[in-house]
Amino acid sequence: MPSCHRRKPGSPRSPGTGRTKNLKGVQRRMDATVVIATYNREALLKKCLEHLFEQDYPKDKYEIVIVDDCSTDGTAEMIRNLNPPCRLAYIANTKTLGPSIARNKAITEAAGEIVIFIDSDAFAPPWYIREHVETHKTNPGIIMDGPIINLTRKEDIQAPPFLRWDIKTMAFLDFGGVYFITANASCPRKSLESAGGFDEEFVWAWEDVELGTRLMESGLKRIKNRRAYVLHCKVGKYSLQSQAAFRKERAEYAGKFFCKHPSAMAKRMVRLRYLKYDRLFERMGWVRRYLNEEYISSSGGRLPAWPPMLKKFYLIHAHAEGLRKGLGITR
């Protein structure tokens, strides 16, 4: 089982981070801090910030803390040219450290009673911060999340359709799902500090669900506010190989998560059943014949028409490989 290290509140900051003014010492009490970890998303981050600047919540009652994980695309210059209506802090890491470390840095700088997490490629409707804050005021001792609705059309990026009927319908019908995804989640700052923040062993994935699990184990309840939705940019096509690599890496952290928090729910969340499916693929000879990089590359990334599920099986195989690595299982 992998060891689990968490940076405790008040411990030294992680190396490779820039300096910023400590907001708590210079700013009166804020209701909310919006935390954004970003890396090479200059254009999308600018759009994300534009919508956060247009919130209907009082501008002197919320702040935005951005941690830039060593972007090389002009993010810093874009931030310098902004004229934000609310307090904004920009923290530039001097090397890429991953989102868990970046968000921990932001938490140490937060002055808000409630910390709201949003991704740099997500867009919030004008009532977003108000819904988060009011939900916490009405229901103390909770973690909160809201729907994350994917945008797949370029035209929707320029003018996000917050009030379009299909968007509102998808938000209304979003009853469950994995909890505390940092594309749209919030928690009292004191609870985050007491929990020790994000586990920095989870460098690239599952750090949010892992923290959410610990927060609920500490006694906090989960509430989903379906009015507090965000629109998440998912425009673009990805090769099958890149999808498989992405799933394999994430599944490795899923395996580590299951080692730390074994339960029936965690078993379903990490899709442990994929190990059983992959053993079946192995016995059938599909891994050797079809579910491998050599076969996919030889087909130019295109799959034969006769088995429409082969793509799904290939991604299941990639997920199973990642799980085995995270769980420390050898074939």
C-alpha atoms as a PDB file:
ATOM      1  CA  MET A   1       0.000   0.000   0.000  1.00  0.00           C
ATOM      2  CA  PRO A   2       1.469   3.401  -0.914  1.00  0.00           C
ATOM      3  CA  SER A   3       2.415   5.727   1.907  1.00  0.00           C
ATOM      4  CA  CYS A   4       0.271   8.834   2.307  1.00  0.00           C
ATOM      5  CA  HIS A   5       1.918  12.146   3.076  1.00  0.00           C
ATOM      6  CA  ARG A   6      -0.108  15.271   3.703  1.00  0.00           C
ATOM      7  CA  ARG A   7       1.284  18.744   4.177  1.00  0.00           C
ATOM      8  CA  LYS A   8       0.025  19.862   7.589  1.00  0.00           C
ATOM      9  CA  PRO A   9      -1.310  23.378   8.156  1.00  0.00           C
ATOM     10  CA  GLY A  10       1.537  25.704   9.040  1.00  0.00           C
ATOM     11  CA  SER A  11       4.252  23.489   7.562  1.00  0.00           C
ATOM     12  CA  PRO A  12       6.830  24.958   5.149  1.00  0.00           C
ATOM     13  CA  ARG A  13       5.600  25.740   1.677  1.00  0.00           C
ATOM     14  CA  SER A  14       6.471  23.405  -1.128  1.00  0.00           C
ATOM     15  CA  PRO A  15       9.627  24.319  -3.066  1.00  0.00           C
ATOM     16  CA  GLY A  16       9.420  26.050  -6.391  1.00  0.00           C
ATOM     17  CA  THR A  17       6.694  28.550  -5.556  1.00  0.00           C
ATOM     18  CA  GLY A  18       6.777  32.281  -6.073  1.00  0.00           C
ATOM     19  CA  ARG A  19       6.014  34.817  -3.369  1.00  0.00           C
ATOM     20  CA  THR A  20       2.850  36.790  -2.808  1.00  0.00           C
ATOM     21  CA  LYS A  21       1.435  39.112  -0.205  1.00  0.00           C
ATOM     22  CA  ASN A  22      -0.381  37.277   2.576  1.00  0.00           C
ATOM     23  CA  LEU A  23      -3.989  38.301   2.111  1.00  0.00           C
ATOM     24  CA  LYS A  24      -5.104  37.416   5.625  1.00  0.00           C
ATOM     25  CA  GLY A  25      -2.886  40.091   7.140  1.00  0.00           C
ATOM     26  CA  VAL A  26      -4.006  42.946   4.921  1.00  0.00           C
ATOM     27  CA  GLN A  27      -7.613  42.241   4.006  1.00  0.00           C
ATOM     28  CA  ARG A  28     -10.722  42.369   6.140  1.00  0.00           C
ATOM     29  CA  ARG A  29     -12.863  39.278   6.390  1.00  0.00           C
ATOM     30  CA  MET A  30     -14.072  37.858   3.097  1.00  0.00           C
ATOM     31  CA  ASP A  31     -17.081  35.633   2.634  1.00  0.00           C
ATOM     32  CA  ALA A  32     -15.435  33.564  -0.090  1.00  0.00           C
ATOM     33  CA  THR A  33     -12.135  32.842  -1.788  1.00  0.00           C
ATOM     34  CA  VAL A  34     -12.280  31.400  -5.292  1.00  0.00           C
ATOM     35  CA  VAL A  35      -9.239  29.188  -5.924  1.00  0.00           C
ATOM     36  CA  ILE A  36      -7.959  28.501  -9.434  1.00  0.00           C
ATOM     37  CA  ALA A  37      -4.954  26.307 -10.238  1.00  0.00           C
ATOM     38  CA  THR A  38      -3.855  26.794 -13.836  1.00  0.00           C
ATOM     39  CA  TYR A  39      -1.258  25.674 -16.342  1.00  0.00           C
ATOM     40  CA  ASN A  40      -0.955  26.987 -19.922  1.00  0.00           C
ATOM     41  CA  ARG A  41      -4.606  27.972 -20.297  1.00  0.00           C
ATOM     42  CA  GLU A  42      -4.186  31.712 -20.824  1.00  0.00           C
ATOM     43  CA  ALA A  43      -7.187  32.239 -23.118  1.00  0.00           C
ATOM     44  CA  LEU A  44      -9.561  29.992 -21.166  1.00  0.00           C
ATOM     45  CA  LEU A  45      -8.404  31.393 -17.824  1.00  0.00           C
ATOM     46  CA  LYS A  46      -9.123  34.916 -19.050  1.00  0.00           C
ATOM     47  CA  LYS A  47     -12.638  33.839 -19.990  1.00  0.00           C
ATOM     48  CA  CYS A  48     -13.048  32.097 -16.628  1.00  0.00           C
ATOM     49  CA  LEU A  49     -12.017  35.282 -14.812  1.00  0.00           C
ATOM     50  CA  GLU A  50     -14.321  37.480 -16.875  1.00  0.00           C
ATOM     51  CA  HIS A  51     -17.286  35.480 -15.619  1.00  0.00           C
ATOM     52  CA  LEU A  52     -16.014  35.555 -12.033  1.00  0.00           C
ATOM     53  CA  PHE A  53     -15.677  39.342 -12.284  1.00  0.00           C
ATOM     54  CA  GLU A  54     -19.339  39.546 -13.381  1.00  0.00           C
ATOM     55  CA  GLN A  55     -20.761  37.818 -10.310  1.00  0.00           C
ATOM     56  CA  ASP A  56     -23.832  39.320  -8.648  1.00  0.00           C
ATOM     57  CA  TYR A  57     -22.185  38.904  -5.227  1.00  0.00           C
ATOM     58  CA  PRO A  58     -20.681  42.027  -3.542  1.00  0.00           C
ATOM     59  CA  LYS A  59     -17.200  42.545  -4.978  1.00  0.00           C
ATOM     60  CA  ASP A  60     -15.717  43.449  -1.586  1.00  0.00           C
ATOM     61  CA  LYS A  61     -16.901  40.148  -0.121  1.00  0.00           C
ATOM     62  CA  TYR A  62     -15.017  37.712  -2.341  1.00  0.00           C
ATOM     63  CA  GLU A  63     -11.525  37.320  -3.720  1.00  0.00           C
ATOM     64  CA  ILE A  64      -9.808  35.192  -6.339  1.00  0.00           C
ATOM     65  CA  VAL A  65      -6.502  33.406  -5.746  1.00  0.00           C
ATOM     66  CA  ILE A  66      -4.756  32.045  -8.843  1.00  0.00           C
ATOM     67  CA  VAL A  67      -1.795  29.685  -8.624  1.00  0.00           C
ATOM     68  CA  ASP A  68       0.019  29.419 -11.942  1.00  0.00           C
ATOM     69  CA  ASP A  69       1.918  26.127 -12.155  1.00  0.00           C
ATOM     70  CA  CYS A  70       4.774  27.577 -14.242  1.00  0.00           C
ATOM     71  CA  SER A  71       2.834  28.399 -17.412  1.00  0.00           C
ATOM     72  CA  THR A  72       4.772  29.378 -20.531  1.00  0.00           C
ATOM     73  CA  ASP A  73       1.904  30.768 -22.631  1.00  0.00           C
ATOM     74  CA  GLY A  74       1.641  34.383 -21.489  1.00  0.00           C
ATOM     75  CA  THR A  75      -0.605  33.792 -18.488  1.00  0.00           C
ATOM     76  CA  ALA A  76       1.406  36.144 -16.249  1.00  0.00           C
ATOM     77  CA  GLU A  77       1.191  39.030 -18.722  1.00  0.00           C
ATOM     78  CA  MET A  78      -2.533  38.484 -19.168  1.00  0.00           C
ATOM     79  CA  ILE A  79      -3.039  38.683 -15.399  1.00  0.00           C
ATOM     80  CA  ARG A  80      -0.958  41.871 -15.138  1.00  0.00           C
ATOM     81  CA  ASN A  81      -3.171  43.568 -17.715  1.00  0.00           C
ATOM     82  CA  LEU A  82      -6.408  42.832 -15.866  1.00  0.00           C
ATOM     83  CA  ASN A  83      -8.424  45.401 -13.948  1.00  0.00           C
ATOM     84  CA  PRO A  84     -10.299  43.154 -11.515  1.00  0.00           C
ATOM     85  CA  PRO A  85     -13.297  44.535  -9.608  1.00  0.00           C
ATOM     86  CA  CYS A  86     -12.526  42.267  -6.651  1.00  0.00           C
ATOM     87  CA  ARG A  87      -9.331  41.379  -4.834  1.00  0.00           C
ATOM     88  CA  LEU A  88      -7.151  39.106  -6.966  1.00  0.00           C
ATOM     89  CA  ALA A  89      -3.896  37.413  -5.967  1.00  0.00           C
ATOM     90  CA  TYR A  90      -1.596  35.774  -8.501  1.00  0.00           C
ATOM     91  CA  ILE A  91       0.999  33.259  -7.341  1.00  0.00           C
ATOM     92  CA  ALA A  92       3.505  31.975  -9.894  1.00  0.00           C
ATOM     93  CA  ASN A  93       5.272  28.680  -9.258  1.00  0.00           C
ATOM     94  CA  THR A  94       8.840  28.601 -10.536  1.00  0.00           C
ATOM     95  CA  LYS A  95       8.436  24.985 -11.612  1.00  0.00           C
ATOM     96  CA  THR A  96       5.507  22.713 -12.372  1.00  0.00           C
ATOM     97  CA  LEU A  97       4.391  20.969  -9.176  1.00  0.00           C
ATOM     98  CA  GLY A  98       0.886  19.716  -9.926  1.00  0.00           C
ATOM     99  CA  PRO A  99      -2.607  20.845  -8.891  1.00  0.00           C
ATOM    100  CA  SER A 100      -2.582  19.439  -5.353  1.00  0.00           C
ATOM    101  CA  ILE A 101       0.448  21.510  -4.342  1.00  0.00           C
ATOM    102  CA  ALA A 102      -0.871  24.534  -6.237  1.00  0.00           C
ATOM    103  CA  ARG A 103      -4.224  24.439  -4.455  1.00  0.00           C
ATOM    104  CA  ASN A 104      -2.571  23.951  -1.070  1.00  0.00           C
ATOM    105  CA  LYS A 105      -0.603  27.118  -1.736  1.00  0.00           C
ATOM    106  CA  ALA A 106      -3.830  28.956  -2.531  1.00  0.00           C
ATOM    107  CA  ILE A 107      -5.490  27.719   0.666  1.00  0.00           C
ATOM    108  CA  THR A 108      -2.678  29.209   2.774  1.00  0.00           C
ATOM    109  CA  GLU A 109      -3.327  32.590   1.137  1.00  0.00           C
ATOM    110  CA  ALA A 110      -7.129  32.463   1.344  1.00  0.00           C
ATOM    111  CA  ALA A 111      -8.952  35.036   3.462  1.00  0.00           C
ATOM    112  CA  GLY A 112     -12.478  33.824   2.730  1.00  0.00           C
ATOM    113  CA  GLU A 113     -14.525  31.844   5.212  1.00  0.00           C
ATOM    114  CA  ILE A 114     -15.605  29.596   2.341  1.00  0.00           C
ATOM    115  CA  VAL A 115     -13.110  28.340  -0.254  1.00  0.00           C
ATOM    116  CA  ILE A 116     -14.608  27.699  -3.683  1.00  0.00           C
ATOM    117  CA  PHE A 117     -12.655  25.644  -6.215  1.00  0.00           C
ATOM    118  CA  ILE A 118     -13.131  26.076  -9.953  1.00  0.00           C
ATOM    119  CA  ASP A 119     -11.003  24.946 -12.897  1.00  0.00           C
ATOM    120  CA  SER A 120      -9.329  27.477 -15.171  1.00  0.00           C
ATOM    121  CA  ASP A 121     -11.294  26.088 -18.134  1.00  0.00           C
ATOM    122  CA  ALA A 122     -14.687  26.363 -16.420  1.00  0.00           C
ATOM    123  CA  PHE A 123     -17.158  29.227 -16.657  1.00  0.00           C
ATOM    124  CA  ALA A 124     -19.451  30.290 -13.821  1.00  0.00           C
ATOM    125  CA  PRO A 125     -22.892  31.915 -14.188  1.00  0.00           C
ATOM    126  CA  PRO A 126     -23.464  35.256 -12.406  1.00  0.00           C
ATOM    127  CA  TRP A 127     -25.168  33.646  -9.399  1.00  0.00           C
ATOM    128  CA  TYR A 128     -22.410  31.059  -8.848  1.00  0.00           C
ATOM    129  CA  ILE A 129     -20.614  32.528  -5.803  1.00  0.00           C
ATOM    130  CA  ARG A 130     -23.899  33.556  -4.183  1.00  0.00           C
ATOM    131  CA  GLU A 131     -25.220  29.994  -4.419  1.00  0.00           C
ATOM    132  CA  HIS A 132     -22.076  28.563  -2.838  1.00  0.00           C
ATOM    133  CA  VAL A 133     -21.957  31.082   0.015  1.00  0.00           C
ATOM    134  CA  GLU A 134     -25.668  30.970   0.829  1.00  0.00           C
ATOM    135  CA  THR A 135     -25.689  27.168   0.814  1.00  0.00           C
ATOM    136  CA  HIS A 136     -22.922  27.130   3.424  1.00  0.00           C
ATOM    137  CA  LYS A 137     -24.623  29.808   5.540  1.00  0.00           C
ATOM    138  CA  THR A 138     -27.860  27.827   5.530  1.00  0.00           C
ATOM    139  CA  ASN A 139     -26.148  24.456   6.083  1.00  0.00           C
ATOM    140  CA  PRO A 140     -23.080  24.760   8.341  1.00  0.00           C
ATOM    141  CA  GLY A 141     -20.639  21.867   8.446  1.00  0.00           C
ATOM    142  CA  ILE A 142     -20.823  20.759   4.822  1.00  0.00           C
ATOM    143  CA  ILE A 143     -18.850  20.297   1.672  1.00  0.00           C
ATOM    144  CA  MET A 144     -20.703  21.412  -1.426  1.00  0.00           C
ATOM    145  CA  ASP A 145     -20.459  20.678  -5.109  1.00  0.00           C
ATOM    146  CA  GLY A 146     -22.477  21.543  -8.165  1.00  0.00           C
ATOM    147  CA  PRO A 147     -23.022  20.160 -11.662  1.00  0.00           C
ATOM    148  CA  ILE A 148     -20.167  20.287 -14.170  1.00  0.00           C
ATOM    149  CA  ILE A 149     -21.628  20.489 -17.661  1.00  0.00           C
ATOM    150  CA  ASN A 150     -19.299  19.945 -20.603  1.00  0.00           C
ATOM    151  CA  LEU A 151     -19.201  22.368 -23.524  1.00  0.00           C
ATOM    152  CA  THR A 152     -18.145  20.695 -26.761  1.00  0.00           C
ATOM    153  CA  ARG A 153     -18.909  23.427 -29.321  1.00  0.00           C
ATOM    154  CA  LYS A 154     -16.491  26.295 -29.983  1.00  0.00           C
ATOM    155  CA  GLU A 155     -19.280  28.835 -30.325  1.00  0.00           C
ATOM    156  CA  ASP A 156     -20.391  28.080 -26.763  1.00  0.00           C
ATOM    157  CA  ILE A 157     -16.968  29.080 -25.433  1.00  0.00           C
ATOM    158  CA  GLN A 158     -17.288  32.654 -26.694  1.00  0.00           C
ATOM    159  CA  ALA A 159     -20.800  33.059 -25.285  1.00  0.00           C
ATOM    160  CA  PRO A 160     -21.469  30.369 -22.660  1.00  0.00           C
ATOM    161  CA  PRO A 161     -25.195  29.494 -22.752  1.00  0.00           C
ATOM    162  CA  PHE A 162     -25.864  29.588 -19.014  1.00  0.00           C
ATOM    163  CA  LEU A 163     -29.626  29.911 -19.454  1.00  0.00           C
ATOM    164  CA  ARG A 164     -30.148  27.655 -22.443  1.00  0.00           C
ATOM    165  CA  TRP A 165     -32.826  25.037 -21.831  1.00  0.00           C
ATOM    166  CA  ASP A 166     -30.558  22.010 -22.352  1.00  0.00           C
ATOM    167  CA  ILE A 167     -27.952  23.376 -19.931  1.00  0.00           C
ATOM    168  CA  LYS A 168     -30.560  24.041 -17.248  1.00  0.00           C
ATOM    169  CA  THR A 169     -32.070  20.601 -17.820  1.00  0.00           C
ATOM    170  CA  MET A 170     -28.724  18.811 -17.463  1.00  0.00           C
ATOM    171  CA  ALA A 171     -28.033  20.732 -14.257  1.00  0.00           C
ATOM    172  CA  PHE A 172     -31.464  19.903 -12.847  1.00  0.00           C
ATOM    173  CA  LEU A 173     -31.054  16.191 -13.611  1.00  0.00           C
ATOM    174  CA  ASP A 174     -27.573  15.954 -12.044  1.00  0.00           C
ATOM    175  CA  PHE A 175     -28.501  14.197  -8.813  1.00  0.00           C
ATOM    176  CA  GLY A 176     -25.361  12.322  -7.837  1.00  0.00           C
ATOM    177  CA  GLY A 177     -21.908  11.646  -9.160  1.00  0.00           C
ATOM    178  CA  VAL A 178     -18.479  11.680  -7.577  1.00  0.00           C
ATOM    179  CA  TYR A 179     -18.160  14.240  -4.790  1.00  0.00           C
ATOM    180  CA  PHE A 180     -15.853  17.234  -4.323  1.00  0.00           C
ATOM    181  CA  ILE A 181     -14.527  17.547  -7.874  1.00  0.00           C
ATOM    182  CA  THR A 182     -12.497  20.762  -7.816  1.00  0.00           C
ATOM    183  CA  ALA A 183     -13.948  21.995 -11.087  1.00  0.00           C
ATOM    184  CA  ASN A 184     -16.886  23.018  -8.866  1.00  0.00           C
ATOM    185  CA  ALA A 185     -16.717  22.458  -5.112  1.00  0.00           C
ATOM    186  CA  SER A 186     -16.480  24.398  -1.871  1.00  0.00           C
ATOM    187  CA  CYS A 187     -15.694  23.919   1.794  1.00  0.00           C
ATOM    188  CA  PRO A 188     -15.142  26.044   4.915  1.00  0.00           C
ATOM    189  CA  ARG A 189     -11.532  27.218   4.989  1.00  0.00           C
ATOM    190  CA  LYS A 190     -11.061  26.121   8.600  1.00  0.00           C
ATOM    191  CA  SER A 191     -12.143  22.589   7.691  1.00  0.00           C
ATOM    192  CA  LEU A 192      -9.613  22.503   4.840  1.00  0.00           C
ATOM    193  CA  GLU A 193      -6.870  23.652   7.185  1.00  0.00           C
ATOM    194  CA  SER A 194      -7.844  21.113   9.853  1.00  0.00           C
ATOM    195  CA  ALA A 195      -7.750  18.330   7.255  1.00  0.00           C
ATOM    196  CA  GLY A 196      -4.247  19.320   6.163  1.00  0.00           C
ATOM    197  CA  GLY A 197      -5.277  20.321   2.662  1.00  0.00           C
ATOM    198  CA  PHE A 198      -4.758  18.154  -0.383  1.00  0.00           C
ATOM    199  CA  ASP A 199      -2.600  15.044  -0.111  1.00  0.00           C
ATOM    200  CA  GLU A 200       0.393  15.983  -2.246  1.00  0.00           C
ATOM    201  CA  GLU A 201       1.112  12.341  -3.048  1.00  0.00           C
ATOM    202  CA  PHE A 202      -1.825  12.630  -5.453  1.00  0.00           C
ATOM    203  CA  VAL A 203       0.072  14.832  -7.870  1.00  0.00           C
ATOM    204  CA  TRP A 204      -2.126  14.811 -10.983  1.00  0.00           C
ATOM    205  CA  ALA A 205      -5.433  13.152 -10.164  1.00  0.00           C
ATOM    206  CA  TRP A 206      -7.869  12.049  -7.435  1.00  0.00           C
ATOM    207  CA  GLU A 207      -6.478  14.621  -5.003  1.00  0.00           C
ATOM    208  CA  ASP A 208      -9.896  16.292  -4.824  1.00  0.00           C
ATOM    209  CA  VAL A 209     -11.944  13.155  -4.183  1.00  0.00           C
ATOM    210  CA  GLU A 210      -9.374  11.993  -1.632  1.00  0.00           C
ATOM    211  CA  LEU A 211      -9.667  15.276   0.277  1.00  0.00           C
ATOM    212  CA  GLY A 212     -13.454  15.168   0.025  1.00  0.00           C
ATOM    213  CA  THR A 213     -13.402  11.678   1.524  1.00  0.00           C
ATOM    214  CA  ARG A 214     -11.348  12.839   4.501  1.00  0.00           C
ATOM    215  CA  LEU A 215     -13.589  15.853   5.009  1.00  0.00           C
ATOM    216  CA  MET A 216     -16.673  13.639   5.141  1.00  0.00           C
ATOM    217  CA  GLU A 217     -14.901  11.180   7.431  1.00  0.00           C
ATOM    218  CA  SER A 218     -14.278  14.135   9.764  1.00  0.00           C
ATOM    219  CA  GLY A 219     -18.039  14.693  10.031  1.00  0.00           C
ATOM    220  CA  LEU A 220     -18.889  17.115   7.235  1.00  0.00           C
ATOM    221  CA  LYS A 221     -21.944  16.317   5.132  1.00  0.00           C
ATOM    222  CA  ARG A 222     -22.121  16.584   1.366  1.00  0.00           C
ATOM    223  CA  ILE A 223     -24.696  18.802  -0.314  1.00  0.00           C
ATOM    224  CA  LYS A 224     -25.154  19.167  -4.066  1.00  0.00           C
ATOM    225  CA  ASN A 225     -26.610  22.483  -5.211  1.00  0.00           C
ATOM    226  CA  ARG A 226     -27.827  21.985  -8.761  1.00  0.00           C
ATOM    227  CA  ARG A 227     -28.256  25.735  -9.257  1.00  0.00           C
ATOM    228  CA  ALA A 228     -24.514  26.292  -8.790  1.00  0.00           C
ATOM    229  CA  TYR A 229     -23.423  24.720 -12.054  1.00  0.00           C
ATOM    230  CA  VAL A 230     -20.399  25.511 -14.201  1.00  0.00           C
ATOM    231  CA  LEU A 231     -19.788  24.996 -17.896  1.00  0.00           C
ATOM    232  CA  HIS A 232     -16.584  23.046 -18.544  1.00  0.00           C
ATOM    233  CA  CYS A 233     -14.668  23.480 -21.796  1.00  0.00           C
ATOM    234  CA  LYS A 234     -14.233  20.117 -23.538  1.00  0.00           C
ATOM    235  CA  VAL A 235     -13.777  21.282 -27.117  1.00  0.00           C
ATOM    236  CA  GLY A 236     -11.403  19.248 -29.298  1.00  0.00           C
ATOM    237  CA  LYS A 237     -10.743  15.703 -30.408  1.00  0.00           C
ATOM    238  CA  TYR A 238      -8.143  13.411 -28.898  1.00  0.00           C
ATOM    239  CA  SER A 239      -6.495  10.338 -30.352  1.00  0.00           C
ATOM    240  CA  LEU A 240      -7.303   6.973 -28.868  1.00  0.00           C
ATOM    241  CA  GLN A 241      -3.703   6.659 -27.684  1.00  0.00           C
ATOM    242  CA  SER A 242      -3.849   9.964 -25.810  1.00  0.00           C
ATOM    243  CA  GLN A 243      -7.172   9.003 -24.221  1.00  0.00           C
ATOM    244  CA  ALA A 244      -5.696   5.698 -23.079  1.00  0.00           C
ATOM    245  CA  ALA A 245      -2.585   7.365 -21.640  1.00  0.00           C
ATOM    246  CA  PHE A 246      -4.758   9.858 -19.762  1.00  0.00           C
ATOM    247  CA  ARG A 247      -6.968   7.132 -18.317  1.00  0.00           C
ATOM    248  CA  LYS A 248      -4.012   4.985 -17.338  1.00  0.00           C
ATOM    249  CA  GLU A 249      -2.371   7.824 -15.418  1.00  0.00           C
ATOM    250  CA  ARG A 250      -5.586   8.762 -13.632  1.00  0.00           C
ATOM    251  CA  ALA A 251      -6.315   5.110 -12.813  1.00  0.00           C
ATOM    252  CA  GLU A 252      -2.945   4.808 -11.094  1.00  0.00           C
ATOM    253  CA  TYR A 253      -4.048   7.479  -8.623  1.00  0.00           C
ATOM    254  CA  ALA A 254      -7.436   5.784  -8.362  1.00  0.00           C
ATOM    255  CA  GLY A 255      -5.605   2.685  -7.179  1.00  0.00           C
ATOM    256  CA  LYS A 256      -3.726   4.717  -4.577  1.00  0.00           C
ATOM    257  CA  PHE A 257      -7.015   6.220  -3.462  1.00  0.00           C
ATOM    258  CA  PHE A 258      -8.520   2.759  -2.941  1.00  0.00           C
ATOM    259  CA  CYS A 259      -5.487   1.709  -0.890  1.00  0.00           C
ATOM    260  CA  LYS A 260      -6.071   4.636   1.458  1.00  0.00           C
ATOM    261  CA  HIS A 261      -9.868   4.490   1.587  1.00  0.00           C
ATOM    262  CA  PRO A 262     -11.038   0.914   0.906  1.00  0.00           C
ATOM    263  CA  SER A 263     -14.814   0.715   0.937  1.00  0.00           C
ATOM    264  CA  ALA A 264     -17.670  -0.544  -1.190  1.00  0.00           C
ATOM    265  CA  MET A 265     -18.235   2.977  -2.514  1.00  0.00           C
ATOM    266  CA  ALA A 266     -14.547   3.439  -3.318  1.00  0.00           C
ATOM    267  CA  LYS A 267     -14.563   0.098  -5.114  1.00  0.00           C
ATOM    268  CA  ARG A 268     -17.276   1.392  -7.422  1.00  0.00           C
ATOM    269  CA  MET A 269     -15.697   4.817  -7.819  1.00  0.00           C
ATOM    270  CA  VAL A 270     -12.316   3.514  -8.969  1.00  0.00           C
ATOM    271  CA  ARG A 271     -13.990   0.861 -11.165  1.00  0.00           C
ATOM    272  CA  LEU A 272     -12.161  -2.035  -9.593  1.00  0.00           C
ATOM    273  CA  ARG A 273     -14.322  -4.365 -11.692  1.00  0.00           C
ATOM    274  CA  TYR A 274     -12.191  -3.378 -14.695  1.00  0.00           C
ATOM    275  CA  LEU A 275      -9.466  -5.668 -13.355  1.00  0.00           C
ATOM    276  CA  LYS A 276     -11.849  -8.601 -13.768  1.00  0.00           C
ATOM    277  CA  TYR A 277     -12.782  -7.472 -17.277  1.00  0.00           C
ATOM    278  CA  ASP A 278      -9.134  -7.142 -18.233  1.00  0.00           C
ATOM    279  CA  ARG A 279      -8.347 -10.660 -17.031  1.00  0.00           C
ATOM    280  CA  LEU A 280     -11.151 -11.864 -19.295  1.00  0.00           C
ATOM    281  CA  PHE A 281      -9.654  -9.923 -22.233  1.00  0.00           C
ATOM    282  CA  GLU A 282      -6.311 -11.571 -21.464  1.00  0.00           C
ATOM    283  CA  ARG A 283      -7.766 -15.080 -21.458  1.00  0.00           C
ATOM    284  CA  MET A 284      -9.556 -14.409 -24.747  1.00  0.00           C
ATOM    285  CA  GLY A 285      -6.296 -13.279 -26.328  1.00  0.00           C
ATOM    286  CA  TRP A 286      -7.629  -9.791 -27.041  1.00  0.00           C
ATOM    287  CA  VAL A 287      -4.842  -7.975 -25.175  1.00  0.00           C
ATOM    288  CA  ARG A 288      -2.206  -9.645 -27.318  1.00  0.00           C
ATOM    289  CA  ARG A 289      -4.119  -9.256 -30.592  1.00  0.00           C
ATOM    290  CA  TYR A 290      -6.043  -5.981 -30.326  1.00  0.00           C
ATOM    291  CA  LEU A 291      -5.748  -4.092 -27.043  1.00  0.00           C
ATOM    292  CA  ASN A 292      -2.188  -2.871 -27.438  1.00  0.00           C
ATOM    293  CA  GLU A 293      -0.323   0.143 -28.774  1.00  0.00           C
ATOM    294  CA  GLU A 294       1.175  -1.740 -31.714  1.00  0.00           C
ATOM    295  CA  TYR A 295      -2.229  -2.753 -33.080  1.00  0.00           C
ATOM    296  CA  ILE A 296      -3.775   0.674 -32.566  1.00  0.00           C
ATOM    297  CA  SER A 297      -0.792   2.405 -34.212  1.00  0.00           C
ATOM    298  CA  SER A 298      -0.882   0.051 -37.200  1.00  0.00           C
ATOM    299  CA  SER A 299      -4.542   0.943 -37.755  1.00  0.00           C
ATOM    300  CA  GLY A 300      -3.759   4.658 -37.709  1.00  0.00           C
ATOM    301  CA  GLY A 301      -5.850   5.098 -34.581  1.00  0.00           C
ATOM    302  CA  ARG A 302      -8.927   3.775 -36.418  1.00  0.00           C
ATOM    303  CA  LEU A 303     -10.720   0.749 -35.107  1.00  0.00           C
ATOM    304  CA  PRO A 304     -12.294  -1.976 -37.238  1.00  0.00           C
ATOM    305  CA  ALA A 305     -15.974  -1.421 -37.933  1.00  0.00           C
ATOM    306  CA  TRP A 306     -17.031  -4.910 -36.859  1.00  0.00           C
ATOM    307  CA  PRO A 307     -16.560  -4.512 -33.096  1.00  0.00           C
ATOM    308  CA  PRO A 308     -17.823  -1.037 -32.083  1.00  0.00           C
ATOM    309  CA  MET A 309     -16.975  -1.847 -28.454  1.00  0.00           C
ATOM    310  CA  LEU A 310     -13.275  -2.395 -29.141  1.00  0.00           C
ATOM    311  CA  LYS A 311     -12.444   1.230 -28.351  1.00  0.00           C
ATOM    312  CA  LYS A 312     -14.207   0.880 -25.008  1.00  0.00           C
ATOM    313  CA  PHE A 313     -12.340  -2.351 -24.280  1.00  0.00           C
ATOM    314  CA  TYR A 314      -9.011  -0.682 -25.106  1.00  0.00           C
ATOM    315  CA  LEU A 315      -9.730   2.119 -22.637  1.00  0.00           C
ATOM    316  CA  ILE A 316     -10.840  -0.403 -20.001  1.00  0.00           C
ATOM    317  CA  HIS A 317      -7.530  -2.205 -20.500  1.00  0.00           C
ATOM    318  CA  ALA A 318      -5.625   1.074 -20.052  1.00  0.00           C
ATOM    319  CA  HIS A 319      -7.596   1.814 -16.878  1.00  0.00           C
ATOM    320  CA  ALA A 320      -6.854  -1.664 -15.523  1.00  0.00           C
ATOM    321  CA  GLU A 321      -3.137  -1.226 -16.187  1.00  0.00           C
ATOM    322  CA  GLY A 322      -3.152   2.022 -14.217  1.00  0.00           C
ATOM    323  CA  LEU A 323      -5.107   0.452 -11.376  1.00  0.00           C
ATOM    324  CA  ARG A 324      -2.624  -2.404 -11.092  1.00  0.00           C
ATOM    325  CA  LYS A 325       0.245   0.056 -10.817  1.00  0.00           C
ATOM    326  CA  GLY A 326      -1.525   2.141  -8.180  1.00  0.00           C
ATOM    327  CA  LEU A 327      -2.505  -0.951  -6.202  1.00  0.00           C
ATOM    328  CA  GLY A 328       0.954  -2.476  -6.502  1.00  0.00           C
ATOM    329  CA  ILE A 329      -0.384  -5.535  -8.344  1.00  0.00           C
ATOM    330  CA  THR A 330       1.727  -7.416 -10.865  1.00  0.00           C
ATOM    331  CA  ARG A 331       0.268  -9.672 -13.532  1.00  0.00           C
END
